[in-house]
């Protein structure tokens, strides 16, 4: 039996395995999307409850709400920030602004930074572990079409660093896409650690002062 004949005989089996793998990936994507939708529904409900409590109209209410946890408040907030990076069910800009409002400019920035950096490391690790099926579940087709062809280019490291530095890029999606490349953990670590502060500061203070300005404008 020739190699060609053996290959032809194995083709149906390989095709069946490929179809089975595709089916599993589809169910996995449905699961991830289901969790995301459930998270969105829960977030809407939680936001409504907070609104009724006055947390969105009175900064003191929000501050007292989180600080009610005492010494655990920073840990709880950092954990929430990590979760919103790994599972994007809470708008990142909202938590960034909340951090500054609750803990003040300096500590709010620190807690935001720590949570987002740790969350980015976890997201990169998950991307490395689960590969394309996880990326496809979390990253929109539009973003994938825009960046996939650039991942294997020599300039991607620089492009990734610049995008992380700027507050206009889809950072979490870029982290997942970058996990598919040959970028080392060391390179990723330093890019995130050195470039994230500018983005965190821009979002944190931009959201906070932007909301204050909008409140005054509408009030």
N, C-alpha and C. Protein backbone atom coordinates (compact mmCIF):
# COMPACT_ATOMS: atom_id res chain seq x y z
N UNK A 1 0.85 -1.20 0.00
CA UNK A 1 0.00 0.00 0.00
C UNK A 1 0.89 1.25 0.00
N UNK A 2 0.64 2.15 -0.93
CA UNK A 2 1.47 3.35 -1.03
C UNK A 2 1.06 4.36 0.01
N UNK A 3 1.95 5.35 0.21
CA UNK A 3 1.65 6.42 1.16
C UNK A 3 0.42 7.20 0.74
N UNK A 4 0.28 7.32 -0.61
CA UNK A 4 -0.86 8.08 -1.12
C UNK A 4 -2.17 7.37 -0.79
N UNK A 5 -2.16 6.00 -0.97
CA UNK A 5 -3.35 5.22 -0.68
C UNK A 5 -3.68 5.27 0.80
N UNK A 6 -2.64 5.23 1.66
CA UNK A 6 -2.85 5.28 3.10
C UNK A 6 -3.45 6.61 3.51
N UNK A 7 -2.96 7.66 2.86
CA UNK A 7 -3.48 8.99 3.16
C UNK A 7 -4.94 9.10 2.78
N UNK A 8 -5.27 8.52 1.59
CA UNK A 8 -6.65 8.57 1.13
C UNK A 8 -7.58 7.80 2.05
N UNK A 9 -7.08 6.66 2.60
CA UNK A 9 -7.90 5.86 3.50
C UNK A 9 -8.13 6.58 4.83
N UNK A 10 -7.16 7.37 5.23
CA UNK A 10 -7.27 8.06 6.50
C UNK A 10 -8.07 9.36 6.41
N UNK A 11 -8.30 9.81 5.19
CA UNK A 11 -8.96 11.10 5.01
C UNK A 11 -10.34 11.18 5.66
N UNK A 12 -11.23 10.19 5.49
CA UNK A 12 -12.54 10.27 6.15
C UNK A 12 -12.43 10.38 7.67
N UNK A 13 -11.49 9.62 8.25
CA UNK A 13 -11.31 9.67 9.70
C UNK A 13 -10.83 11.05 10.13
N UNK A 14 -9.85 11.57 9.37
CA UNK A 14 -9.34 12.90 9.69
C UNK A 14 -10.44 13.96 9.56
N UNK A 15 -11.27 13.78 8.52
CA UNK A 15 -12.36 14.73 8.31
C UNK A 15 -13.36 14.67 9.46
N UNK A 16 -13.66 13.45 9.92
CA UNK A 16 -14.59 13.28 11.04
C UNK A 16 -14.04 13.92 12.30
N UNK A 17 -12.72 13.73 12.53
CA UNK A 17 -12.10 14.32 13.71
C UNK A 17 -12.13 15.84 13.64
N UNK A 18 -11.89 16.37 12.43
CA UNK A 18 -11.91 17.82 12.25
C UNK A 18 -13.31 18.38 12.49
N UNK A 19 -14.33 17.66 11.98
CA UNK A 19 -15.70 18.11 12.18
C UNK A 19 -16.09 18.06 13.66
N UNK A 20 -15.63 16.99 14.34
CA UNK A 20 -15.92 16.85 15.77
C UNK A 20 -15.27 17.98 16.56
N UNK A 21 -14.02 18.32 16.18
CA UNK A 21 -13.32 19.40 16.86
C UNK A 21 -14.02 20.73 16.62
N UNK A 22 -14.48 20.95 15.38
CA UNK A 22 -15.20 22.18 15.06
C UNK A 22 -16.48 22.28 15.87
N UNK A 23 -17.17 21.12 16.02
CA UNK A 23 -18.41 21.09 16.79
C UNK A 23 -18.15 21.44 18.25
N UNK A 24 -17.06 20.89 18.81
CA UNK A 24 -16.71 21.19 20.20
C UNK A 24 -16.40 22.67 20.37
N UNK A 25 -15.65 23.22 19.40
CA UNK A 25 -15.32 24.64 19.46
C UNK A 25 -16.58 25.51 19.41
N UNK A 26 -17.57 25.05 18.60
CA UNK A 26 -18.81 25.81 18.49
C UNK A 26 -19.55 25.83 19.82
N UNK A 27 -19.62 24.66 20.47
CA UNK A 27 -20.29 24.59 21.78
C UNK A 27 -19.54 25.43 22.82
N UNK A 28 -18.21 25.42 22.73
CA UNK A 28 -17.41 26.21 23.66
C UNK A 28 -17.68 27.70 23.46
N UNK A 29 -17.77 28.11 22.21
CA UNK A 29 -18.08 29.51 21.91
C UNK A 29 -19.45 29.89 22.43
N UNK A 30 -20.42 28.98 22.25
CA UNK A 30 -21.77 29.24 22.76
C UNK A 30 -21.75 29.40 24.28
N UNK A 31 -20.96 28.55 24.95
CA UNK A 31 -20.86 28.62 26.40
C UNK A 31 -20.28 29.97 26.84
N UNK A 32 -19.18 30.36 26.19
CA UNK A 32 -18.53 31.63 26.53
C UNK A 32 -19.49 32.79 26.29
N UNK A 33 -20.17 32.76 25.14
CA UNK A 33 -21.10 33.83 24.83
C UNK A 33 -22.27 33.85 25.81
N UNK A 34 -22.73 32.64 26.21
CA UNK A 34 -23.80 32.55 27.19
C UNK A 34 -23.41 33.16 28.52
N UNK A 35 -22.18 32.86 28.95
CA UNK A 35 -21.67 33.44 30.20
C UNK A 35 -21.58 34.95 30.08
N UNK A 36 -21.13 35.42 28.92
CA UNK A 36 -21.01 36.87 28.71
C UNK A 36 -22.38 37.54 28.76
N UNK A 37 -23.38 36.92 28.08
CA UNK A 37 -24.73 37.48 28.09
C UNK A 37 -25.32 37.48 29.50
N UNK A 38 -25.09 36.38 30.22
CA UNK A 38 -25.56 36.31 31.61
C UNK A 38 -24.90 37.39 32.45
N UNK A 39 -23.61 37.61 32.18
CA UNK A 39 -22.89 38.66 32.90
C UNK A 39 -23.44 40.04 32.59
N UNK A 40 -23.81 40.25 31.32
CA UNK A 40 -24.38 41.53 30.92
C UNK A 40 -25.71 41.77 31.63
N UNK A 41 -26.55 40.71 31.65
CA UNK A 41 -27.85 40.82 32.32
C UNK A 41 -27.66 41.12 33.80
N UNK A 42 -26.73 40.39 34.42
CA UNK A 42 -26.46 40.62 35.84
C UNK A 42 -25.94 42.03 36.08
N UNK A 43 -25.06 42.49 35.17
CA UNK A 43 -24.49 43.83 35.31
C UNK A 43 -25.58 44.90 35.21
N UNK A 44 -26.51 44.70 34.25
CA UNK A 44 -27.62 45.65 34.10
C UNK A 44 -28.47 45.68 35.37
N UNK A 45 -28.77 44.49 35.90
CA UNK A 45 -29.56 44.41 37.14
C UNK A 45 -28.82 45.08 38.29
N UNK A 46 -27.51 44.77 38.42
CA UNK A 46 -26.72 45.36 39.50
C UNK A 46 -26.64 46.87 39.36
N UNK A 47 -26.49 47.33 38.11
CA UNK A 47 -26.43 48.78 37.89
C UNK A 47 -27.75 49.45 38.28
N UNK A 48 -28.86 48.77 37.98
CA UNK A 48 -30.17 49.31 38.35
C UNK A 48 -30.31 49.42 39.86
N UNK A 49 -29.84 48.38 40.55
CA UNK A 49 -29.89 48.41 42.01
C UNK A 49 -29.02 49.54 42.57
N UNK A 50 -27.85 49.70 41.99
CA UNK A 50 -26.96 50.77 42.43
C UNK A 50 -27.55 52.14 42.12
N UNK A 51 -28.23 52.21 40.97
CA UNK A 51 -28.88 53.48 40.60
C UNK A 51 -29.96 53.84 41.62
N UNK A 52 -30.76 52.85 42.01
CA UNK A 52 -31.81 53.11 43.00
C UNK A 52 -31.22 53.52 44.35
N UNK A 53 -30.01 53.00 44.62
CA UNK A 53 -29.35 53.38 45.87
C UNK A 53 -28.72 54.76 45.79
N UNK A 54 -28.59 55.28 44.55
CA UNK A 54 -27.99 56.59 44.37
C UNK A 54 -26.50 56.55 44.14
N UNK A 55 -25.96 55.35 43.84
CA UNK A 55 -24.51 55.22 43.68
C UNK A 55 -23.99 55.94 42.45
N UNK A 56 -24.85 56.11 41.43
CA UNK A 56 -24.41 56.76 40.20
C UNK A 56 -24.66 58.26 40.21
N UNK A 57 -25.48 58.70 41.13
CA UNK A 57 -25.79 60.13 41.19
C UNK A 57 -25.13 60.81 42.37
N UNK A 58 -24.65 60.03 43.31
CA UNK A 58 -23.99 60.57 44.50
C UNK A 58 -22.71 59.77 44.73
N UNK A 59 -21.58 60.42 44.47
CA UNK A 59 -20.30 59.73 44.61
C UNK A 59 -20.07 59.23 46.03
N UNK A 60 -20.64 59.94 47.00
CA UNK A 60 -20.48 59.53 48.39
C UNK A 60 -21.12 58.17 48.65
N UNK A 61 -22.24 57.90 47.98
CA UNK A 61 -22.92 56.61 48.15
C UNK A 61 -22.03 55.49 47.64
N UNK A 62 -21.43 55.69 46.46
CA UNK A 62 -20.55 54.66 45.90
C UNK A 62 -19.33 54.45 46.78
N UNK A 63 -18.75 55.54 47.23
CA UNK A 63 -17.57 55.45 48.09
C UNK A 63 -17.89 54.68 49.36
N UNK A 64 -19.00 55.03 49.99
CA UNK A 64 -19.38 54.36 51.24
C UNK A 64 -19.73 52.90 51.00
N UNK A 65 -20.29 52.62 49.81
CA UNK A 65 -20.68 51.25 49.49
C UNK A 65 -19.47 50.33 49.45
N UNK A 66 -18.43 50.76 48.75
CA UNK A 66 -17.23 49.93 48.63
C UNK A 66 -16.43 49.95 49.92
N UNK A 67 -16.32 51.13 50.51
CA UNK A 67 -15.54 51.24 51.75
C UNK A 67 -16.22 50.53 52.92
N UNK A 68 -17.48 50.16 52.71
CA UNK A 68 -18.17 49.40 53.74
C UNK A 68 -17.52 48.06 54.01
N UNK A 69 -16.70 47.62 53.06
CA UNK A 69 -15.98 46.36 53.24
C UNK A 69 -14.69 46.55 54.04
N UNK A 70 -14.44 47.77 54.46
CA UNK A 70 -13.30 48.03 55.32
C UNK A 70 -11.97 47.76 54.65
N UNK A 71 -11.10 47.04 55.36
CA UNK A 71 -9.76 46.77 54.84
C UNK A 71 -9.79 45.87 53.62
N UNK A 72 -10.93 45.22 53.38
CA UNK A 72 -11.04 44.33 52.22
C UNK A 72 -11.43 45.08 50.95
N UNK A 73 -11.81 46.33 51.07
CA UNK A 73 -12.28 47.10 49.92
C UNK A 73 -11.27 47.13 48.77
N UNK A 74 -9.98 47.42 49.01
CA UNK A 74 -9.02 47.42 47.90
C UNK A 74 -8.89 46.05 47.23
N UNK A 75 -8.89 44.99 48.04
CA UNK A 75 -8.76 43.64 47.49
C UNK A 75 -9.96 43.30 46.62
N UNK A 76 -11.15 43.63 47.12
CA UNK A 76 -12.38 43.37 46.36
C UNK A 76 -12.38 44.15 45.05
N UNK A 77 -11.95 45.42 45.13
CA UNK A 77 -11.93 46.24 43.92
C UNK A 77 -10.93 45.71 42.90
N UNK A 78 -9.73 45.34 43.34
CA UNK A 78 -8.72 44.80 42.43
C UNK A 78 -9.23 43.51 41.79
N UNK A 79 -9.90 42.68 42.57
CA UNK A 79 -10.47 41.44 42.04
C UNK A 79 -11.50 41.73 40.95
N UNK A 80 -12.37 42.72 41.20
CA UNK A 80 -13.36 43.11 40.19
C UNK A 80 -12.67 43.59 38.92
N UNK A 81 -11.60 44.36 39.09
CA UNK A 81 -10.86 44.86 37.94
C UNK A 81 -10.22 43.72 37.14
N UNK A 82 -9.70 42.72 37.84
CA UNK A 82 -9.13 41.55 37.16
C UNK A 82 -10.20 40.83 36.36
N UNK A 83 -11.37 40.64 36.99
CA UNK A 83 -12.46 39.93 36.34
C UNK A 83 -12.92 40.64 35.08
N UNK A 84 -13.00 41.98 35.13
CA UNK A 84 -13.48 42.71 33.96
C UNK A 84 -12.50 42.65 32.80
N UNK A 85 -11.23 42.36 33.09
CA UNK A 85 -10.25 42.17 32.01
C UNK A 85 -10.39 40.77 31.41
N UNK A 86 -10.44 39.77 32.29
CA UNK A 86 -10.48 38.37 31.83
C UNK A 86 -11.83 38.04 31.20
N UNK A 87 -12.91 38.46 31.83
CA UNK A 87 -14.26 38.24 31.29
C UNK A 87 -14.91 39.61 31.14
N UNK A 88 -14.89 40.15 29.93
CA UNK A 88 -15.34 41.54 29.73
C UNK A 88 -16.85 41.71 29.83
N UNK A 89 -17.39 41.61 31.06
CA UNK A 89 -18.82 41.78 31.26
C UNK A 89 -19.14 43.12 31.91
N UNK A 90 -18.10 43.81 32.37
CA UNK A 90 -18.28 45.13 32.99
C UNK A 90 -17.47 46.13 32.18
N UNK A 91 -18.04 47.25 31.77
CA UNK A 91 -17.27 48.25 31.03
C UNK A 91 -16.04 48.69 31.81
N UNK A 92 -14.86 48.55 31.21
CA UNK A 92 -13.62 48.88 31.89
C UNK A 92 -13.53 50.33 32.31
N UNK A 93 -14.05 51.22 31.47
CA UNK A 93 -13.99 52.64 31.79
C UNK A 93 -14.72 52.98 33.07
N UNK A 94 -15.82 52.28 33.34
CA UNK A 94 -16.61 52.54 34.54
C UNK A 94 -15.82 52.18 35.79
N UNK A 95 -15.19 51.00 35.79
CA UNK A 95 -14.43 50.57 36.97
C UNK A 95 -13.19 51.43 37.16
N UNK A 96 -12.59 51.87 36.07
CA UNK A 96 -11.41 52.74 36.18
C UNK A 96 -11.78 54.06 36.85
N UNK A 97 -12.87 54.66 36.41
CA UNK A 97 -13.32 55.91 37.02
C UNK A 97 -13.72 55.70 38.47
N UNK A 98 -14.39 54.56 38.74
CA UNK A 98 -14.84 54.27 40.10
C UNK A 98 -13.65 54.14 41.05
N UNK A 99 -12.56 53.55 40.57
CA UNK A 99 -11.38 53.38 41.41
C UNK A 99 -10.85 54.71 41.92
N UNK A 100 -10.79 55.69 41.03
CA UNK A 100 -10.29 57.01 41.42
C UNK A 100 -11.27 57.70 42.35
N UNK A 101 -12.57 57.53 42.07
CA UNK A 101 -13.58 58.18 42.90
C UNK A 101 -13.61 57.59 44.31
N UNK A 102 -13.38 56.29 44.42
CA UNK A 102 -13.48 55.62 45.71
C UNK A 102 -12.21 55.78 46.54
N UNK A 103 -11.06 55.59 45.90
CA UNK A 103 -9.80 55.55 46.65
C UNK A 103 -8.94 56.79 46.49
N UNK A 104 -9.41 57.73 45.67
CA UNK A 104 -8.61 58.93 45.44
C UNK A 104 -7.70 58.76 44.24
N UNK A 105 -7.10 59.85 43.75
CA UNK A 105 -6.29 59.81 42.52
C UNK A 105 -5.13 58.82 42.58
N UNK A 106 -4.34 58.85 43.65
CA UNK A 106 -3.14 58.01 43.71
C UNK A 106 -3.47 56.54 43.90
N UNK A 107 -4.16 56.21 44.99
CA UNK A 107 -4.46 54.80 45.27
C UNK A 107 -5.45 54.23 44.26
N UNK A 108 -6.34 55.07 43.76
CA UNK A 108 -7.26 54.61 42.71
C UNK A 108 -6.49 54.18 41.48
N UNK A 109 -5.49 54.98 41.11
CA UNK A 109 -4.65 54.63 39.97
C UNK A 109 -3.89 53.33 40.24
N UNK A 110 -3.32 53.20 41.43
CA UNK A 110 -2.54 52.01 41.78
C UNK A 110 -3.40 50.75 41.71
N UNK A 111 -4.59 50.79 42.30
CA UNK A 111 -5.46 49.61 42.31
C UNK A 111 -5.96 49.28 40.91
N UNK A 112 -6.26 50.30 40.13
CA UNK A 112 -6.65 50.08 38.73
C UNK A 112 -5.51 49.42 37.96
N UNK A 113 -4.32 49.95 38.15
CA UNK A 113 -3.14 49.45 37.43
C UNK A 113 -2.85 47.99 37.79
N UNK A 114 -2.84 47.69 39.08
CA UNK A 114 -2.55 46.32 39.52
C UNK A 114 -3.59 45.34 38.97
N UNK A 115 -4.86 45.70 39.08
CA UNK A 115 -5.91 44.81 38.60
C UNK A 115 -5.84 44.55 37.11
N UNK A 116 -5.59 45.60 36.34
CA UNK A 116 -5.55 45.45 34.88
C UNK A 116 -4.30 44.69 34.44
N UNK A 117 -3.16 44.95 35.07
CA UNK A 117 -1.93 44.24 34.71
C UNK A 117 -2.06 42.75 35.01
N UNK A 118 -2.53 42.42 36.21
CA UNK A 118 -2.70 41.01 36.57
C UNK A 118 -3.72 40.35 35.64
N UNK A 119 -4.82 41.06 35.37
CA UNK A 119 -5.82 40.53 34.45
C UNK A 119 -5.26 40.29 33.06
N UNK A 120 -4.39 41.18 32.59
CA UNK A 120 -3.77 41.02 31.27
C UNK A 120 -2.86 39.80 31.23
N UNK A 121 -2.12 39.56 32.32
CA UNK A 121 -1.26 38.37 32.38
C UNK A 121 -2.10 37.10 32.33
N UNK A 122 -3.21 37.09 33.07
CA UNK A 122 -4.09 35.92 33.07
C UNK A 122 -4.69 35.70 31.69
N UNK A 123 -5.10 36.79 31.05
CA UNK A 123 -5.70 36.70 29.72
C UNK A 123 -4.69 36.17 28.70
N UNK A 124 -3.45 36.63 28.78
CA UNK A 124 -2.40 36.16 27.89
C UNK A 124 -2.14 34.67 28.11
N UNK A 125 -2.11 34.25 29.37
CA UNK A 125 -1.90 32.84 29.70
C UNK A 125 -3.04 31.97 29.16
N UNK A 126 -4.28 32.45 29.31
CA UNK A 126 -5.43 31.71 28.80
C UNK A 126 -5.38 31.59 27.29
N UNK A 127 -4.96 32.68 26.63
CA UNK A 127 -4.83 32.64 25.18
C UNK A 127 -3.79 31.63 24.73
N UNK A 128 -2.67 31.57 25.44
CA UNK A 128 -1.62 30.60 25.13
C UNK A 128 -2.12 29.17 25.35
N UNK A 129 -2.91 28.98 26.38
CA UNK A 129 -3.36 27.64 26.76
C UNK A 129 -4.46 27.11 25.83
N UNK A 130 -5.42 27.97 25.51
CA UNK A 130 -6.59 27.51 24.75
C UNK A 130 -6.59 27.93 23.29
N UNK A 131 -5.68 28.82 22.91
CA UNK A 131 -5.48 29.13 21.50
C UNK A 131 -6.64 29.82 20.80
N UNK A 132 -6.75 29.49 19.53
CA UNK A 132 -7.68 30.19 18.65
C UNK A 132 -9.14 30.09 19.08
N UNK A 133 -9.54 28.95 19.66
CA UNK A 133 -10.95 28.80 20.03
C UNK A 133 -11.37 29.82 21.08
N UNK A 134 -10.46 30.16 21.99
CA UNK A 134 -10.76 31.18 22.99
C UNK A 134 -10.76 32.56 22.35
N UNK A 135 -9.80 32.80 21.48
CA UNK A 135 -9.71 34.10 20.79
C UNK A 135 -10.97 34.36 19.98
N UNK A 136 -11.43 33.35 19.24
CA UNK A 136 -12.63 33.51 18.42
C UNK A 136 -13.87 33.76 19.27
N UNK A 137 -13.88 33.22 20.49
CA UNK A 137 -15.03 33.40 21.37
C UNK A 137 -15.12 34.81 21.94
N UNK A 138 -13.96 35.45 22.13
CA UNK A 138 -13.93 36.75 22.80
C UNK A 138 -13.69 37.92 21.85
N UNK A 139 -12.98 37.68 20.76
CA UNK A 139 -12.60 38.78 19.86
C UNK A 139 -13.56 38.83 18.69
N UNK A 140 -14.06 40.01 18.39
CA UNK A 140 -15.00 40.16 17.28
C UNK A 140 -14.31 39.90 15.95
N UNK A 141 -15.11 39.49 14.98
CA UNK A 141 -14.57 39.20 13.66
C UNK A 141 -13.95 40.44 13.03
N UNK A 142 -14.54 41.59 13.31
CA UNK A 142 -14.03 42.85 12.76
C UNK A 142 -12.61 43.12 13.25
N UNK A 143 -12.37 42.92 14.54
CA UNK A 143 -11.04 43.14 15.11
C UNK A 143 -10.06 42.10 14.58
N UNK A 144 -10.51 40.85 14.47
CA UNK A 144 -9.63 39.80 13.96
C UNK A 144 -9.22 40.09 12.52
N UNK A 145 -10.17 40.50 11.69
CA UNK A 145 -9.86 40.82 10.30
C UNK A 145 -8.85 41.96 10.20
N UNK A 146 -8.92 42.87 11.15
CA UNK A 146 -8.04 44.05 11.11
C UNK A 146 -6.61 43.72 11.51
N UNK A 147 -6.44 42.79 12.48
CA UNK A 147 -5.10 42.58 13.05
C UNK A 147 -4.46 41.23 12.74
N UNK A 148 -5.22 40.22 12.35
CA UNK A 148 -4.66 38.87 12.19
C UNK A 148 -3.49 38.83 11.22
N UNK A 149 -3.58 39.56 10.11
CA UNK A 149 -2.52 39.53 9.11
C UNK A 149 -1.25 40.24 9.59
N UNK A 150 -1.35 41.00 10.66
CA UNK A 150 -0.19 41.75 11.16
C UNK A 150 0.56 41.01 12.27
N UNK A 151 -0.03 39.93 12.79
CA UNK A 151 0.55 39.27 13.96
C UNK A 151 1.93 38.69 13.71
N UNK A 152 2.15 38.15 12.51
CA UNK A 152 3.42 37.48 12.22
C UNK A 152 4.47 38.40 11.63
N UNK A 153 4.17 39.68 11.54
CA UNK A 153 5.15 40.61 10.98
C UNK A 153 6.20 40.98 12.03
N UNK A 154 7.35 41.41 11.56
CA UNK A 154 8.45 41.75 12.47
C UNK A 154 8.13 42.95 13.35
N UNK A 155 7.28 43.81 12.85
CA UNK A 155 6.98 45.03 13.59
C UNK A 155 5.83 44.89 14.58
N UNK A 156 5.31 43.66 14.77
CA UNK A 156 4.15 43.53 15.65
C UNK A 156 4.46 43.91 17.10
N UNK A 157 5.65 43.59 17.58
CA UNK A 157 5.99 43.94 18.96
C UNK A 157 5.88 45.44 19.19
N UNK A 158 6.41 46.19 18.24
CA UNK A 158 6.33 47.65 18.35
C UNK A 158 4.90 48.13 18.22
N UNK A 159 4.18 47.56 17.26
CA UNK A 159 2.77 47.93 17.07
C UNK A 159 1.96 47.64 18.32
N UNK A 160 2.17 46.47 18.91
CA UNK A 160 1.45 46.08 20.12
C UNK A 160 1.75 47.04 21.27
N UNK A 161 3.03 47.39 21.43
CA UNK A 161 3.42 48.30 22.51
C UNK A 161 2.77 49.67 22.33
N UNK A 162 2.76 50.17 21.11
CA UNK A 162 2.16 51.48 20.84
C UNK A 162 0.66 51.45 21.09
N UNK A 163 0.00 50.37 20.65
CA UNK A 163 -1.44 50.25 20.84
C UNK A 163 -1.81 50.17 22.32
N UNK A 164 -1.00 49.45 23.10
CA UNK A 164 -1.25 49.36 24.54
C UNK A 164 -1.03 50.72 25.20
N UNK A 165 -0.10 51.48 24.67
CA UNK A 165 0.22 52.80 25.22
C UNK A 165 -0.92 53.79 24.99
N UNK A 166 -1.64 53.62 23.89
CA UNK A 166 -2.71 54.55 23.54
C UNK A 166 -4.05 54.09 24.13
N UNK A 167 -4.86 55.03 24.60
CA UNK A 167 -6.14 54.66 25.24
C UNK A 167 -7.28 54.40 24.27
N UNK A 168 -6.98 54.25 22.98
CA UNK A 168 -8.05 54.08 21.99
C UNK A 168 -8.11 52.67 21.42
N UNK A 169 -7.18 51.81 21.79
CA UNK A 169 -7.11 50.47 21.20
C UNK A 169 -7.90 49.46 22.04
N UNK A 170 -8.38 48.38 21.40
CA UNK A 170 -9.05 47.30 22.15
C UNK A 170 -8.02 46.42 22.85
N UNK A 171 -7.52 46.89 23.99
CA UNK A 171 -6.38 46.25 24.66
C UNK A 171 -6.58 44.76 24.93
N UNK A 172 -7.74 44.40 25.49
CA UNK A 172 -7.96 43.00 25.85
C UNK A 172 -7.95 42.10 24.63
N UNK A 173 -8.55 42.56 23.54
CA UNK A 173 -8.54 41.79 22.30
C UNK A 173 -7.12 41.65 21.75
N UNK A 174 -6.34 42.71 21.84
CA UNK A 174 -4.96 42.67 21.36
C UNK A 174 -4.10 41.73 22.20
N UNK A 175 -4.37 41.67 23.50
CA UNK A 175 -3.64 40.73 24.36
C UNK A 175 -3.91 39.30 23.92
N UNK A 176 -5.18 38.99 23.67
CA UNK A 176 -5.53 37.64 23.23
C UNK A 176 -4.90 37.31 21.87
N UNK A 177 -4.96 38.25 20.95
CA UNK A 177 -4.36 38.02 19.63
C UNK A 177 -2.86 37.84 19.74
N UNK A 178 -2.22 38.62 20.60
CA UNK A 178 -0.77 38.52 20.77
C UNK A 178 -0.37 37.20 21.40
N UNK A 179 -1.27 36.60 22.18
CA UNK A 179 -0.97 35.29 22.78
C UNK A 179 -0.78 34.21 21.72
N UNK A 180 -1.26 34.46 20.50
CA UNK A 180 -1.11 33.50 19.41
C UNK A 180 0.24 33.63 18.71
N UNK A 181 0.98 34.68 19.01
CA UNK A 181 2.26 34.92 18.35
C UNK A 181 3.41 34.27 19.13
N UNK A 182 4.62 34.51 18.64
CA UNK A 182 5.81 33.96 19.29
C UNK A 182 6.39 34.92 20.34
N UNK A 183 5.67 35.95 20.66
CA UNK A 183 6.16 36.88 21.68
C UNK A 183 6.41 36.14 22.99
N UNK A 184 7.56 36.38 23.59
CA UNK A 184 7.91 35.69 24.84
C UNK A 184 7.17 36.33 26.01
N UNK A 185 7.11 35.58 27.11
CA UNK A 185 6.50 36.11 28.33
C UNK A 185 7.25 37.34 28.83
N UNK A 186 8.56 37.31 28.68
CA UNK A 186 9.39 38.43 29.13
C UNK A 186 9.04 39.70 28.36
N UNK A 187 8.92 39.58 27.03
CA UNK A 187 8.57 40.73 26.20
C UNK A 187 7.18 41.25 26.56
N UNK A 188 6.24 40.33 26.69
CA UNK A 188 4.87 40.72 27.02
C UNK A 188 4.82 41.41 28.38
N UNK A 189 5.53 40.86 29.34
CA UNK A 189 5.56 41.41 30.69
C UNK A 189 5.98 42.87 30.68
N UNK A 190 7.10 43.16 30.02
CA UNK A 190 7.62 44.53 30.05
C UNK A 190 6.76 45.50 29.25
N UNK A 191 6.17 45.03 28.16
CA UNK A 191 5.29 45.91 27.39
C UNK A 191 4.08 46.32 28.23
N UNK A 192 3.47 45.34 28.90
CA UNK A 192 2.29 45.64 29.72
C UNK A 192 2.66 46.52 30.91
N UNK A 193 3.71 46.16 31.62
CA UNK A 193 4.10 46.89 32.82
C UNK A 193 4.48 48.34 32.51
N UNK A 194 5.18 48.55 31.40
CA UNK A 194 5.66 49.89 31.08
C UNK A 194 4.65 50.74 30.31
N UNK A 195 3.79 50.11 29.53
CA UNK A 195 2.88 50.87 28.68
C UNK A 195 1.49 51.07 29.27
N UNK A 196 1.09 50.22 30.19
CA UNK A 196 -0.26 50.32 30.75
C UNK A 196 -0.51 51.58 31.59
N UNK A 197 0.48 52.09 32.33
CA UNK A 197 0.19 53.26 33.18
C UNK A 197 -0.45 54.43 32.43
N UNK A 198 0.02 54.71 31.22
CA UNK A 198 -0.54 55.84 30.47
C UNK A 198 -2.00 55.61 30.14
N UNK A 199 -2.34 54.39 29.71
CA UNK A 199 -3.73 54.07 29.38
C UNK A 199 -4.61 54.12 30.61
N UNK A 200 -4.14 53.52 31.70
CA UNK A 200 -4.92 53.50 32.94
C UNK A 200 -5.18 54.92 33.44
N UNK A 201 -4.15 55.76 33.41
CA UNK A 201 -4.30 57.14 33.86
C UNK A 201 -5.29 57.90 32.97
N UNK A 202 -5.16 57.72 31.66
CA UNK A 202 -6.04 58.43 30.73
C UNK A 202 -7.50 58.05 30.95
N UNK A 203 -7.76 56.75 31.07
CA UNK A 203 -9.13 56.29 31.29
C UNK A 203 -9.64 56.70 32.67
N UNK A 204 -8.82 56.49 33.69
CA UNK A 204 -9.24 56.77 35.06
C UNK A 204 -9.67 58.22 35.24
N UNK A 205 -8.76 59.13 34.91
CA UNK A 205 -9.03 60.54 35.13
C UNK A 205 -9.94 61.12 34.06
N UNK A 206 -9.82 60.59 32.82
CA UNK A 206 -10.69 61.06 31.75
C UNK A 206 -12.15 60.74 32.03
N UNK A 207 -12.42 59.50 32.46
CA UNK A 207 -13.79 59.11 32.78
C UNK A 207 -14.32 59.89 33.97
N UNK A 208 -13.49 60.04 35.00
CA UNK A 208 -13.95 60.69 36.22
C UNK A 208 -14.29 62.16 35.97
N UNK A 209 -13.34 62.89 35.38
CA UNK A 209 -13.57 64.32 35.16
C UNK A 209 -14.55 64.55 34.01
N UNK A 210 -14.59 63.59 33.07
CA UNK A 210 -15.58 63.69 31.99
C UNK A 210 -16.99 63.56 32.52
N UNK A 211 -17.19 62.63 33.46
CA UNK A 211 -18.51 62.45 34.07
C UNK A 211 -18.90 63.67 34.88
N UNK A 212 -17.94 64.25 35.59
CA UNK A 212 -18.22 65.46 36.38
C UNK A 212 -18.63 66.61 35.46
N UNK A 213 -17.91 66.74 34.34
CA UNK A 213 -18.22 67.81 33.39
C UNK A 213 -19.60 67.61 32.79
N UNK A 214 -19.91 66.33 32.43
CA UNK A 214 -21.22 66.04 31.84
C UNK A 214 -22.34 66.29 32.84
N UNK A 215 -22.10 65.93 34.10
CA UNK A 215 -23.11 66.15 35.14
C UNK A 215 -23.40 67.64 35.31
N UNK A 216 -22.34 68.44 35.31
CA UNK A 216 -22.52 69.89 35.44
C UNK A 216 -23.23 70.46 34.22
N UNK A 217 -22.90 69.92 33.03
CA UNK A 217 -23.50 70.41 31.80
C UNK A 217 -25.00 70.12 31.76
N UNK A 218 -25.36 68.90 32.18
CA UNK A 218 -26.77 68.51 32.16
C UNK A 218 -27.54 69.05 33.35
N UNK A 219 -26.80 69.34 34.43
CA UNK A 219 -27.47 69.83 35.64
C UNK A 219 -27.76 71.31 35.56
